Amino acid sequence: MNALADNTDGPMQYFVYYRVRADLDVDDAHAGIRAMQSELERLTGVRGRLLTRVHEESTWMEIYVDVADPVAFETALEAAVAAAGVRDYIEDGAARHIERFVECA
């Protein structure tokens, strides 16, 4: 059984972080991520945010809150990331890291 489907502690919060390439056109990449997030919101109803680490602008974080259906959301997120070519933004040797949190009981 899928561990995500067993979530009974309420909505899940997603934090997705990664290091982007140094030669990246930041404005184009920001626009690409935001377009991907808009499509994801259209499909899932979950609005995303994009942040950058203070004093380390090459580390970006996407945040998605109050995800009620993690299985459907992750399926849609994976498809949206692939369709938008987001992995092309990531530094060689780096990866997108997905962290999932729920409210403390």
N, C-alpha and C. Protein backbone atom coordinates (compact mmCIF):
# COMPACT_ATOMS: atom_id res chain seq x y z
N MET A 1 0.84 -1.18 0.00
CA MET A 1 0.00 0.00 0.00
C MET A 1 0.89 1.24 0.00
N ASN A 2 0.46 2.28 -0.67
CA ASN A 2 1.20 3.53 -0.77
C ASN A 2 1.16 4.27 0.56
N ALA A 3 2.33 4.58 1.11
CA ALA A 3 2.39 5.28 2.40
C ALA A 3 1.71 6.63 2.34
N LEU A 4 1.74 7.28 1.17
CA LEU A 4 1.07 8.58 1.05
C LEU A 4 -0.43 8.43 1.20
N ALA A 5 -0.97 7.32 0.74
CA ALA A 5 -2.41 7.10 0.83
C ALA A 5 -2.84 6.85 2.28
N ASP A 6 -1.89 6.50 3.15
CA ASP A 6 -2.20 6.24 4.55
C ASP A 6 -2.21 7.49 5.41
N ASN A 7 -1.99 8.65 4.81
CA ASN A 7 -1.95 9.89 5.58
C ASN A 7 -3.32 10.17 6.20
N THR A 8 -3.39 10.10 7.52
CA THR A 8 -4.64 10.39 8.22
C THR A 8 -4.50 11.58 9.15
N ASP A 9 -3.39 12.27 9.07
CA ASP A 9 -3.12 13.38 9.96
C ASP A 9 -3.46 14.73 9.35
N GLY A 10 -4.33 14.75 8.38
CA GLY A 10 -4.72 16.01 7.76
C GLY A 10 -3.89 16.32 6.54
N PRO A 11 -4.07 17.52 6.02
CA PRO A 11 -3.38 17.91 4.78
C PRO A 11 -1.86 17.85 4.93
N MET A 12 -1.21 17.58 3.83
CA MET A 12 0.24 17.49 3.81
C MET A 12 0.83 18.78 3.25
N GLN A 13 2.01 19.13 3.75
CA GLN A 13 2.74 20.31 3.29
C GLN A 13 3.99 19.81 2.56
N TYR A 14 4.26 20.39 1.39
CA TYR A 14 5.39 19.97 0.56
C TYR A 14 6.42 21.08 0.47
N PHE A 15 7.68 20.68 0.62
CA PHE A 15 8.82 21.58 0.46
C PHE A 15 9.77 20.89 -0.51
N VAL A 16 9.96 21.50 -1.67
CA VAL A 16 10.78 20.91 -2.74
C VAL A 16 11.95 21.85 -2.99
N TYR A 17 13.16 21.38 -2.76
CA TYR A 17 14.31 22.26 -2.93
C TYR A 17 15.35 21.64 -3.85
N TYR A 18 16.13 22.53 -4.46
CA TYR A 18 17.15 22.09 -5.42
C TYR A 18 18.08 23.26 -5.71
N ARG A 19 19.25 22.92 -6.25
CA ARG A 19 20.24 23.92 -6.65
C ARG A 19 20.16 24.06 -8.17
N VAL A 20 20.05 25.30 -8.65
CA VAL A 20 19.95 25.55 -10.08
C VAL A 20 21.33 25.81 -10.68
N ARG A 21 21.42 25.61 -11.98
CA ARG A 21 22.68 25.81 -12.72
C ARG A 21 23.13 27.27 -12.64
N ALA A 22 24.43 27.47 -12.60
CA ALA A 22 25.00 28.82 -12.55
C ALA A 22 24.75 29.59 -13.84
N ASP A 23 24.67 28.90 -14.97
CA ASP A 23 24.49 29.57 -16.26
C ASP A 23 23.02 29.77 -16.62
N LEU A 24 22.14 29.53 -15.70
CA LEU A 24 20.70 29.61 -15.94
C LEU A 24 20.24 31.05 -16.14
N ASP A 25 19.35 31.27 -17.09
CA ASP A 25 18.68 32.57 -17.22
C ASP A 25 17.60 32.59 -16.14
N VAL A 26 17.88 33.28 -15.05
CA VAL A 26 17.02 33.24 -13.87
C VAL A 26 15.61 33.72 -14.17
N ASP A 27 15.47 34.79 -14.94
CA ASP A 27 14.14 35.31 -15.25
C ASP A 27 13.32 34.29 -16.03
N ASP A 28 13.93 33.65 -17.02
CA ASP A 28 13.23 32.62 -17.79
C ASP A 28 12.86 31.43 -16.91
N ALA A 29 13.78 31.03 -16.04
CA ALA A 29 13.52 29.88 -15.17
C ALA A 29 12.42 30.20 -14.16
N HIS A 30 12.45 31.40 -13.58
CA HIS A 30 11.36 31.81 -12.67
C HIS A 30 10.02 31.73 -13.40
N ALA A 31 9.99 32.25 -14.61
CA ALA A 31 8.75 32.23 -15.40
C ALA A 31 8.32 30.79 -15.68
N GLY A 32 9.28 29.92 -15.99
CA GLY A 32 8.96 28.52 -16.25
C GLY A 32 8.39 27.81 -15.04
N ILE A 33 8.99 28.04 -13.88
CA ILE A 33 8.49 27.42 -12.64
C ILE A 33 7.10 27.96 -12.32
N ARG A 34 6.93 29.26 -12.44
CA ARG A 34 5.61 29.85 -12.12
C ARG A 34 4.53 29.35 -13.08
N ALA A 35 4.87 29.18 -14.34
CA ALA A 35 3.90 28.63 -15.30
C ALA A 35 3.56 27.18 -14.93
N MET A 36 4.57 26.41 -14.54
CA MET A 36 4.35 25.04 -14.10
C MET A 36 3.44 25.02 -12.87
N GLN A 37 3.69 25.92 -11.93
CA GLN A 37 2.87 25.98 -10.72
C GLN A 37 1.43 26.40 -11.04
N SER A 38 1.26 27.28 -11.99
CA SER A 38 -0.10 27.68 -12.39
C SER A 38 -0.86 26.51 -12.98
N GLU A 39 -0.19 25.72 -13.81
CA GLU A 39 -0.83 24.54 -14.38
C GLU A 39 -1.15 23.52 -13.29
N LEU A 40 -0.22 23.35 -12.36
CA LEU A 40 -0.44 22.42 -11.26
C LEU A 40 -1.64 22.87 -10.41
N GLU A 41 -1.74 24.17 -10.17
CA GLU A 41 -2.89 24.69 -9.42
C GLU A 41 -4.20 24.44 -10.18
N ARG A 42 -4.16 24.62 -11.48
CA ARG A 42 -5.35 24.37 -12.29
C ARG A 42 -5.79 22.91 -12.18
N LEU A 43 -4.83 22.01 -12.16
CA LEU A 43 -5.13 20.58 -12.12
C LEU A 43 -5.50 20.07 -10.73
N THR A 44 -4.89 20.65 -9.68
CA THR A 44 -5.04 20.09 -8.33
C THR A 44 -5.70 21.03 -7.34
N GLY A 45 -5.76 22.31 -7.67
CA GLY A 45 -6.27 23.29 -6.71
C GLY A 45 -5.25 23.71 -5.67
N VAL A 46 -4.01 23.21 -5.79
CA VAL A 46 -2.96 23.53 -4.83
C VAL A 46 -2.06 24.61 -5.42
N ARG A 47 -2.00 25.74 -4.73
CA ARG A 47 -1.19 26.87 -5.19
C ARG A 47 0.25 26.72 -4.68
N GLY A 48 1.20 26.97 -5.56
CA GLY A 48 2.61 26.87 -5.19
C GLY A 48 3.25 28.22 -5.00
N ARG A 49 4.33 28.22 -4.24
CA ARG A 49 5.17 29.41 -4.06
C ARG A 49 6.60 29.04 -4.45
N LEU A 50 7.37 30.04 -4.86
CA LEU A 50 8.77 29.82 -5.23
C LEU A 50 9.62 30.77 -4.41
N LEU A 51 10.60 30.22 -3.70
CA LEU A 51 11.50 31.02 -2.87
C LEU A 51 12.94 30.73 -3.26
N THR A 52 13.82 31.63 -2.87
CA THR A 52 15.25 31.41 -3.04
C THR A 52 15.92 31.57 -1.68
N ARG A 53 16.98 30.82 -1.45
CA ARG A 53 17.67 30.87 -0.16
C ARG A 53 18.40 32.21 -0.01
N VAL A 54 18.34 32.77 1.17
CA VAL A 54 19.02 34.02 1.48
C VAL A 54 20.54 33.79 1.37
N HIS A 55 21.21 34.69 0.66
CA HIS A 55 22.66 34.66 0.47
C HIS A 55 23.14 33.43 -0.31
N GLU A 56 22.23 32.71 -0.93
CA GLU A 56 22.60 31.56 -1.77
C GLU A 56 21.52 31.41 -2.84
N GLU A 57 21.52 32.35 -3.77
CA GLU A 57 20.44 32.47 -4.75
C GLU A 57 20.32 31.28 -5.69
N SER A 58 21.29 30.37 -5.66
CA SER A 58 21.21 29.20 -6.53
C SER A 58 20.39 28.06 -5.91
N THR A 59 19.95 28.22 -4.67
CA THR A 59 19.08 27.22 -4.04
C THR A 59 17.66 27.75 -4.04
N TRP A 60 16.79 27.00 -4.69
CA TRP A 60 15.38 27.38 -4.81
C TRP A 60 14.51 26.40 -4.05
N MET A 61 13.35 26.89 -3.61
CA MET A 61 12.40 26.03 -2.93
C MET A 61 10.99 26.32 -3.42
N GLU A 62 10.30 25.25 -3.77
CA GLU A 62 8.87 25.34 -4.09
C GLU A 62 8.13 24.87 -2.84
N ILE A 63 7.05 25.57 -2.50
CA ILE A 63 6.24 25.21 -1.34
C ILE A 63 4.80 25.01 -1.79
N TYR A 64 4.22 23.92 -1.34
CA TYR A 64 2.82 23.60 -1.63
C TYR A 64 2.17 23.22 -0.31
N VAL A 65 1.10 23.91 0.08
CA VAL A 65 0.50 23.67 1.39
C VAL A 65 -0.92 23.12 1.26
N ASP A 66 -1.32 22.44 2.32
CA ASP A 66 -2.67 21.92 2.45
C ASP A 66 -3.06 20.98 1.31
N VAL A 67 -2.18 20.04 1.01
CA VAL A 67 -2.44 19.04 -0.03
C VAL A 67 -3.30 17.93 0.58
N ALA A 68 -4.55 17.86 0.16
CA ALA A 68 -5.50 16.89 0.72
C ALA A 68 -5.33 15.49 0.12
N ASP A 69 -4.90 15.41 -1.13
CA ASP A 69 -4.74 14.12 -1.81
C ASP A 69 -3.30 13.99 -2.31
N PRO A 70 -2.39 13.54 -1.43
CA PRO A 70 -0.98 13.48 -1.79
C PRO A 70 -0.68 12.62 -3.02
N VAL A 71 -1.38 11.52 -3.18
CA VAL A 71 -1.11 10.64 -4.32
C VAL A 71 -1.41 11.36 -5.63
N ALA A 72 -2.59 11.95 -5.72
CA ALA A 72 -2.97 12.69 -6.94
C ALA A 72 -2.05 13.89 -7.15
N PHE A 73 -1.71 14.58 -6.06
CA PHE A 73 -0.85 15.75 -6.17
C PHE A 73 0.53 15.36 -6.69
N GLU A 74 1.13 14.33 -6.13
CA GLU A 74 2.47 13.95 -6.57
C GLU A 74 2.49 13.45 -8.01
N THR A 75 1.43 12.79 -8.42
CA THR A 75 1.32 12.37 -9.81
C THR A 75 1.27 13.59 -10.72
N ALA A 76 0.45 14.57 -10.35
CA ALA A 76 0.33 15.80 -11.15
C ALA A 76 1.62 16.61 -11.11
N LEU A 77 2.27 16.67 -9.95
CA LEU A 77 3.53 17.41 -9.82
C LEU A 77 4.60 16.81 -10.72
N GLU A 78 4.74 15.51 -10.69
CA GLU A 78 5.74 14.84 -11.54
C GLU A 78 5.49 15.12 -13.02
N ALA A 79 4.24 15.05 -13.43
CA ALA A 79 3.89 15.32 -14.83
C ALA A 79 4.16 16.77 -15.19
N ALA A 80 3.83 17.69 -14.29
CA ALA A 80 4.04 19.12 -14.55
C ALA A 80 5.52 19.45 -14.64
N VAL A 81 6.32 18.88 -13.75
CA VAL A 81 7.77 19.09 -13.76
C VAL A 81 8.36 18.58 -15.08
N ALA A 82 7.94 17.41 -15.51
CA ALA A 82 8.45 16.85 -16.77
C ALA A 82 8.02 17.70 -17.96
N ALA A 83 6.76 18.10 -18.00
CA ALA A 83 6.25 18.89 -19.12
C ALA A 83 6.93 20.25 -19.22
N ALA A 84 7.26 20.84 -18.08
CA ALA A 84 7.88 22.17 -18.07
C ALA A 84 9.40 22.12 -18.23
N GLY A 85 9.99 20.93 -18.19
CA GLY A 85 11.44 20.82 -18.32
C GLY A 85 12.20 21.35 -17.12
N VAL A 86 11.59 21.29 -15.95
CA VAL A 86 12.20 21.85 -14.74
C VAL A 86 13.54 21.19 -14.42
N ARG A 87 13.68 19.92 -14.70
CA ARG A 87 14.94 19.24 -14.38
C ARG A 87 16.12 19.83 -15.17
N ASP A 88 15.83 20.49 -16.29
CA ASP A 88 16.89 21.14 -17.06
C ASP A 88 17.49 22.33 -16.31
N TYR A 89 16.79 22.85 -15.33
CA TYR A 89 17.28 23.99 -14.54
C TYR A 89 18.26 23.56 -13.46
N ILE A 90 18.26 22.30 -13.12
CA ILE A 90 18.99 21.82 -11.95
C ILE A 90 20.46 21.60 -12.27
N GLU A 91 21.30 22.01 -11.32
CA GLU A 91 22.75 21.88 -11.44
C GLU A 91 23.12 20.41 -11.65
N ASP A 92 24.14 20.18 -12.50
CA ASP A 92 24.63 18.82 -12.73
C ASP A 92 25.02 18.19 -11.40
N GLY A 93 24.59 16.96 -11.19
CA GLY A 93 24.91 16.25 -9.96
C GLY A 93 23.96 16.54 -8.82
N ALA A 94 23.06 17.50 -9.00
CA ALA A 94 22.09 17.83 -7.96
C ALA A 94 20.75 17.18 -8.30
N ALA A 95 19.80 17.29 -7.39
CA ALA A 95 18.48 16.69 -7.60
C ALA A 95 17.42 17.53 -6.90
N ARG A 96 16.18 17.32 -7.30
CA ARG A 96 15.03 17.90 -6.59
C ARG A 96 14.77 17.04 -5.36
N HIS A 97 14.74 17.66 -4.21
CA HIS A 97 14.47 16.96 -2.96
C HIS A 97 13.07 17.33 -2.50
N ILE A 98 12.24 16.32 -2.23
CA ILE A 98 10.87 16.56 -1.79
C ILE A 98 10.75 16.15 -0.33
N GLU A 99 10.34 17.10 0.51
CA GLU A 99 10.09 16.84 1.92
C GLU A 99 8.60 17.03 2.17
N ARG A 100 8.01 16.15 2.97
CA ARG A 100 6.58 16.18 3.26
C ARG A 100 6.39 16.31 4.76
N PHE A 101 5.48 17.20 5.16
CA PHE A 101 5.21 17.42 6.58
C PHE A 101 3.72 17.47 6.83
N VAL A 102 3.32 17.08 8.05
CA VAL A 102 1.94 17.24 8.51
C VAL A 102 2.00 17.97 9.86
N GLU A 103 0.87 18.54 10.25
CA GLU A 103 0.79 19.24 11.54
C GLU A 103 1.06 18.26 12.68
N CYS A 104 1.71 18.75 13.72
CA CYS A 104 1.91 17.94 14.92
C CYS A 104 0.57 17.70 15.60
N ALA A 105 0.45 16.53 16.19
CA ALA A 105 -0.81 16.18 16.88
C ALA A 105 -0.95 16.96 18.17
